[in-house]
Protein backbone atom coordinates (compact mmCIF):
# COMPACT_ATOMS: atom_id res chain seq x y z
CA UNK A 1 -0.11 0.04 0.01
CA UNK A 2 1.31 3.37 -1.33
CA UNK A 3 0.69 6.52 1.12
CA UNK A 4 1.14 10.05 -0.61
CA UNK A 5 1.12 13.09 2.04
CA UNK A 6 1.91 15.31 -0.81
CA UNK A 7 0.94 15.37 -4.11
CA UNK A 8 -0.16 16.66 -7.73
CA UNK A 9 3.95 17.96 -7.43
CA UNK A 10 7.02 17.47 -5.61
CA UNK A 11 9.33 20.34 -5.12
CA UNK A 12 12.60 18.43 -5.38
CA UNK A 13 11.07 18.31 -8.90
CA UNK A 14 13.50 15.46 -10.27
CA UNK A 15 14.97 15.56 -13.27
CA UNK A 16 14.34 11.87 -13.87
CA UNK A 17 10.75 11.41 -11.66
CA UNK A 18 8.59 9.50 -13.81
CA UNK A 19 5.81 10.41 -11.28
CA UNK A 20 6.69 14.22 -13.13
CA UNK A 21 6.68 12.88 -16.74
CA UNK A 22 3.59 11.58 -15.80
CA UNK A 23 1.73 14.54 -14.52
CA UNK A 24 3.59 17.30 -16.07
CA UNK A 25 2.12 16.93 -19.79
CA UNK A 26 -1.48 16.58 -18.59
CA UNK A 27 -0.71 19.56 -17.44
CA UNK A 28 -1.14 18.58 -13.44
CA UNK A 29 2.37 19.11 -12.24
CA UNK A 30 3.01 22.03 -9.69
CA UNK A 31 6.39 21.64 -8.23
CA UNK A 32 6.22 25.07 -5.74
CA UNK A 33 3.15 23.97 -4.54
CA UNK A 34 2.07 20.61 -3.89
CA UNK A 35 -1.25 19.56 -2.25
CA UNK A 36 -1.60 18.33 0.83
CA UNK A 37 -3.22 15.14 1.78
CA UNK A 38 -6.72 15.16 4.58
CA UNK A 39 -4.66 14.67 8.16
CA UNK A 40 -8.52 13.08 8.70
CA UNK A 41 -8.79 11.13 5.75
CA UNK A 42 -5.52 9.84 6.46
CA UNK A 43 -6.45 8.59 9.95
CA UNK A 44 -9.39 6.88 9.41
CA UNK A 45 -7.59 4.88 6.52
CA UNK A 46 -4.73 3.88 8.37
CA UNK A 47 -7.19 2.99 11.44
CA UNK A 48 -9.41 0.67 8.87
CA UNK A 49 -5.60 -1.26 7.95
CA UNK A 50 -5.27 -4.21 9.94
CA UNK A 51 -2.02 -4.06 13.00
CA UNK A 52 1.28 -5.54 10.89
CA UNK A 53 0.26 -3.63 7.42
CA UNK A 54 3.09 -1.82 5.86
CA UNK A 55 2.41 1.80 3.99
CA UNK A 56 5.03 2.80 2.34
CA UNK A 57 5.32 6.88 2.76
CA UNK A 58 6.14 8.42 -0.61
CA UNK A 59 5.13 6.72 -4.33
CA UNK A 60 4.40 9.88 -6.24
CA UNK A 61 6.30 12.84 -4.84
CA UNK A 62 8.29 12.81 -1.15
CA UNK A 63 6.64 12.25 1.87
CA UNK A 64 9.54 14.76 3.20
CA UNK A 65 9.93 17.76 0.90
CA UNK A 66 10.41 21.28 2.23
CA UNK A 67 7.04 21.65 2.81
CA UNK A 68 6.83 19.18 5.42
CA UNK A 69 8.07 21.03 7.56
CA UNK A 70 5.20 23.94 7.22
CA UNK A 71 2.01 21.43 7.54
CA UNK A 72 4.02 18.07 9.19
CA UNK A 73 1.38 15.54 7.69
CA UNK A 74 4.39 12.94 7.94
CA UNK A 75 4.94 13.78 11.33
CA UNK A 76 0.99 13.15 12.28
CA UNK A 77 0.87 10.13 9.97
CA UNK A 78 3.54 8.20 11.46
CA UNK A 79 1.97 9.40 14.63
CA UNK A 80 -1.03 7.32 13.94
CA UNK A 81 0.85 4.35 12.22
CA UNK A 82 2.76 3.93 15.99
CA UNK A 83 -1.17 4.12 17.30
CA UNK A 84 -2.35 1.61 15.30
CA UNK A 85 0.81 -0.59 14.66
CA UNK A 86 0.79 -0.25 11.35
CA UNK A 87 4.40 -0.50 9.74
CA UNK A 88 6.33 2.37 7.13
CA UNK A 89 8.24 2.44 4.73
CA UNK A 90 9.62 6.17 4.53
CA UNK A 91 11.23 6.40 1.11
CA UNK A 92 12.66 9.64 0.53
CA UNK A 93 15.49 11.87 -0.60
CA UNK A 94 15.57 14.14 2.47
CA UNK A 95 18.21 13.99 5.37
CA UNK A 96 14.93 15.12 7.95
CA UNK A 97 14.05 11.62 9.26
CA UNK A 98 17.34 11.84 11.12
CA UNK A 99 16.65 15.05 13.07
CA UNK A 100 16.10 14.55 16.59
CA UNK A 101 11.71 15.37 16.32
CA UNK A 102 11.84 12.65 13.65
CA UNK A 103 13.69 10.13 15.51
CA UNK A 104 11.46 11.11 18.29
CA UNK A 105 8.72 9.55 16.92
CA UNK A 106 9.90 6.94 14.72
CA UNK A 107 9.40 3.33 15.86
CA UNK A 108 12.19 0.49 15.56
CA UNK A 109 9.28 -1.85 15.32
CA UNK A 110 7.58 -0.53 12.57
CA UNK A 111 9.95 2.17 10.48
CA UNK A 112 12.26 1.28 7.53
CA UNK A 113 14.45 3.75 5.88
CA UNK A 114 15.34 4.37 2.33
CA UNK A 115 17.24 7.58 1.61
CA UNK A 116 17.69 7.54 -1.98
CA UNK A 117 21.31 8.78 -3.31
CA UNK A 118 22.02 8.80 -7.31
CA UNK A 119 25.02 11.03 -7.25
CA UNK A 120 27.49 11.79 -4.50
CA UNK A 121 28.86 15.05 -5.76
CA UNK A 122 26.60 18.05 -3.98
CA UNK A 123 26.93 20.46 -6.47
CA UNK A 124 26.88 18.47 -9.67
CA UNK A 125 23.11 17.00 -7.53
CA UNK A 126 21.90 20.12 -7.05
CA UNK A 127 21.77 20.34 -10.97
CA UNK A 128 18.47 17.70 -11.29
CA UNK A 129 16.89 17.42 -7.87
CA UNK A 130 16.32 19.79 -5.07
CA UNK A 131 16.76 17.42 -2.36
CA UNK A 132 18.65 17.69 0.84
CA UNK A 133 22.25 17.55 -0.29
CA UNK A 134 23.77 14.07 -0.47
CA UNK A 135 25.85 15.05 1.73
CA UNK A 136 23.22 15.29 4.10
CA UNK A 137 21.63 11.93 2.88
CA UNK A 138 24.17 10.35 3.85
CA UNK A 139 24.53 11.22 7.36
CA UNK A 140 21.68 10.78 8.00
CA UNK A 141 21.35 7.44 6.54
CA UNK A 142 23.94 6.55 9.07
CA UNK A 143 22.65 8.02 11.59
CA UNK A 144 19.68 6.29 11.54
CA UNK A 145 22.27 3.28 11.18
CA UNK A 146 23.76 3.57 14.06
CA UNK A 147 20.66 3.99 16.53
CA UNK A 148 19.64 0.79 15.21
CA UNK A 149 16.91 1.09 12.54
CA UNK A 150 16.34 -1.00 9.44
CA UNK A 151 17.75 2.44 7.03
CA UNK A 152 19.41 1.93 3.94
CA UNK A 153 20.37 3.62 0.86
CA UNK A 154 18.22 3.62 -2.55
CA UNK A 155 20.56 4.27 -5.53
CA UNK A 156 17.75 4.87 -7.37
CA UNK A 157 18.18 4.95 -10.23
CA UNK A 158 21.67 3.85 -10.69
CA UNK A 159 23.31 5.70 -13.29
CA UNK A 160 26.28 4.59 -13.88
CA UNK A 161 28.54 7.71 -15.49
CA UNK A 162 27.28 9.69 -12.04
CA UNK A 163 28.14 6.80 -9.59
CA UNK A 164 31.56 7.27 -7.37
CA UNK A 165 31.92 3.65 -6.63
CA UNK A 166 35.14 4.05 -4.72
CA UNK A 167 33.62 6.76 -2.53
CA UNK A 168 29.62 4.62 -2.31
CA UNK A 169 32.18 1.98 -1.13
CA UNK A 170 33.58 3.54 1.29
CA UNK A 171 30.55 4.80 4.01
CA UNK A 172 30.47 1.75 5.65
CA UNK A 173 26.34 1.66 4.62
CA UNK A 174 25.17 -1.75 5.75
CA UNK A 175 22.14 -1.74 3.47
CA UNK A 176 20.93 -0.73 -0.37
CA UNK A 177 18.24 -1.22 -2.11
CA UNK A 178 19.44 -0.75 -6.29
CA UNK A 179 16.56 0.46 -8.78
CA UNK A 180 18.06 1.35 -12.89
CA UNK A 181 16.87 4.03 -14.88
CA UNK A 182 14.00 3.85 -16.81
CA UNK A 183 14.47 6.28 -20.13
CA UNK A 184 11.21 7.85 -22.24
CA UNK A 185 11.98 11.04 -24.79
CA UNK A 186 11.07 13.22 -21.28
CA UNK A 187 13.71 12.03 -19.29
CA UNK A 188 15.68 11.67 -22.66
CA UNK A 189 15.27 15.68 -23.19
CA UNK A 190 15.90 16.18 -19.17
CA UNK A 191 19.33 14.67 -18.36
CA UNK A 192 22.14 15.07 -19.68
CA UNK A 193 25.80 12.87 -19.63
CA UNK A 194 24.15 9.63 -20.36
CA UNK A 195 25.35 7.28 -22.82
CA UNK A 196 20.98 6.43 -23.44
CA UNK A 197 22.06 4.08 -26.60
CA UNK A 198 22.49 1.62 -24.23
CA UNK A 199 18.73 1.38 -23.11
CA UNK A 200 18.07 -1.10 -25.92
CA UNK A 201 15.52 -3.20 -23.76
CA UNK A 202 11.86 -1.94 -24.13
CA UNK A 203 9.01 -2.70 -22.15
CA UNK A 204 6.40 -0.46 -20.06
CA UNK A 205 6.20 2.23 -23.01
CA UNK A 206 10.68 2.98 -21.46
CA UNK A 207 13.55 1.73 -22.10
CA UNK A 208 15.91 -0.03 -20.11
CA UNK A 209 19.68 -1.45 -19.92
CA UNK A 210 20.06 -4.75 -21.03
CA UNK A 211 20.12 -7.18 -18.11
CA UNK A 212 24.05 -8.37 -18.48
CA UNK A 213 24.82 -4.46 -18.09
CA UNK A 214 22.79 -4.29 -15.28
CA UNK A 215 24.69 -7.54 -13.40
CA UNK A 216 28.17 -5.38 -14.39
CA UNK A 217 27.25 -2.27 -12.83
CA UNK A 218 25.60 -4.15 -9.86
CA UNK A 219 29.31 -5.90 -9.02
CA UNK A 220 31.17 -2.51 -8.64
CA UNK A 221 28.44 -1.71 -5.13
CA UNK A 222 30.66 -3.60 -2.50
CA UNK A 223 27.63 -2.72 0.03
CA UNK A 224 26.88 -5.98 2.05
CA UNK A 225 23.17 -6.78 1.41
CA UNK A 226 21.86 -5.29 -1.96
CA UNK A 227 18.96 -5.81 -3.51
CA UNK A 228 17.35 -5.06 -6.28
CA UNK A 229 13.99 -2.87 -7.15
CA UNK A 230 12.61 -3.32 -10.62
CA UNK A 231 10.35 -2.89 -13.34
CA UNK A 232 11.53 -5.70 -16.42
CA UNK A 233 9.76 -9.13 -15.59
CA UNK A 234 12.46 -11.59 -16.86
CA UNK A 235 15.15 -9.25 -15.08
CA UNK A 236 12.85 -9.38 -11.85
CA UNK A 237 12.90 -13.55 -11.63
CA UNK A 238 16.55 -12.98 -12.44
CA UNK A 239 17.66 -11.65 -9.12
CA UNK A 240 14.95 -12.60 -7.08
CA UNK A 241 16.33 -15.62 -8.09
CA UNK A 242 20.10 -15.61 -7.45
CA UNK A 243 20.92 -11.74 -5.85
CA UNK A 244 17.93 -10.69 -3.21
CA UNK A 245 18.36 -11.60 -0.01
CA UNK A 246 14.43 -11.97 0.67
CA UNK A 247 12.27 -14.21 -1.94
CA UNK A 248 9.29 -12.28 -1.21
CA UNK A 249 9.92 -8.84 -1.05
CA UNK A 250 12.47 -6.89 -3.14
CA UNK A 251 12.00 -4.11 -0.72
CA UNK A 252 14.05 -6.33 2.05
CA UNK A 253 12.54 -4.91 5.18
CA UNK A 254 13.91 -6.59 8.09
CA UNK A 255 11.60 -8.70 9.83
CA UNK A 256 11.69 -8.16 13.64
CA UNK A 257 11.25 -11.61 15.57
CA UNK A 258 9.97 -10.31 19.34
C-alpha cells in the first residue's frame, strides 16, 4: 500500500522522476506548491488497516519534501501508524528523518527508512534535483543505521556515469536497494551526460538496460546487503532467484522477531 502525504507536484522536482514525467504533460505537476493530503482522511484509512500491514510513504511524491516542515502531514501520519501498529517504509531524498524531532517518533519495530541518493557530488546533484544535498543524506543514513533502525541507501536510479563507486563503497553503509533508470522521451530531454544508446530493452513504455549491463554495474557495489527493485519482468525473476536476500520482498524490509 502506498500513502502520499503530498501530491500533484514535489518540491524536489528531480529531472528523472517518472511521476513528474507522467503528470507534467497533463498540466497536473506543480513543483512549487504540492497539494497537501487531508490528515483526517489519512487517519481514517490507517485505522481501517489490519495491524502488521506496511505502508510505503512517498510513492508519487516525496513525503519529506521541504513543505513537511510547514504542514507536518507526514509527522502526523507516522504518529497514527505508531498508534495502530501499522508498519511504514519511508522512501525519501531528504535528511529530515534523522533530525531529532523525527527520531523521537520513528518506532524501531515499525519504521523502515530508505534514503535515495543518485550521485555523491553535492554540486552535480543540485543541477538536476532540489532535495537535501547527498552529503546530508549520507549522514542521515549513517545516523539512522547507528541508532539501530532498518535503514538503507536507495540507489534509485543507479546511473553509472553519475556514481563514484569507490566513495560509495567506503561509506560503511550496510544495506542498499538498487533501482535502474528507465528512459522515455521526457527523461532523455531532461537528463544530460548519460549514454542512452545502451538502453535497448523496451518494456512498459520505457527503455531499460539489458540484464548483463545491470549485472556489471551491480558488481561494482560492495555494500554487504544488496537488493534490486526491478520493472522488467525477466530481470525481476533473475534478481529474485539469484541475488535478492528475500525472495518474497525486493524491498528487503528486515523482519523483527519479538
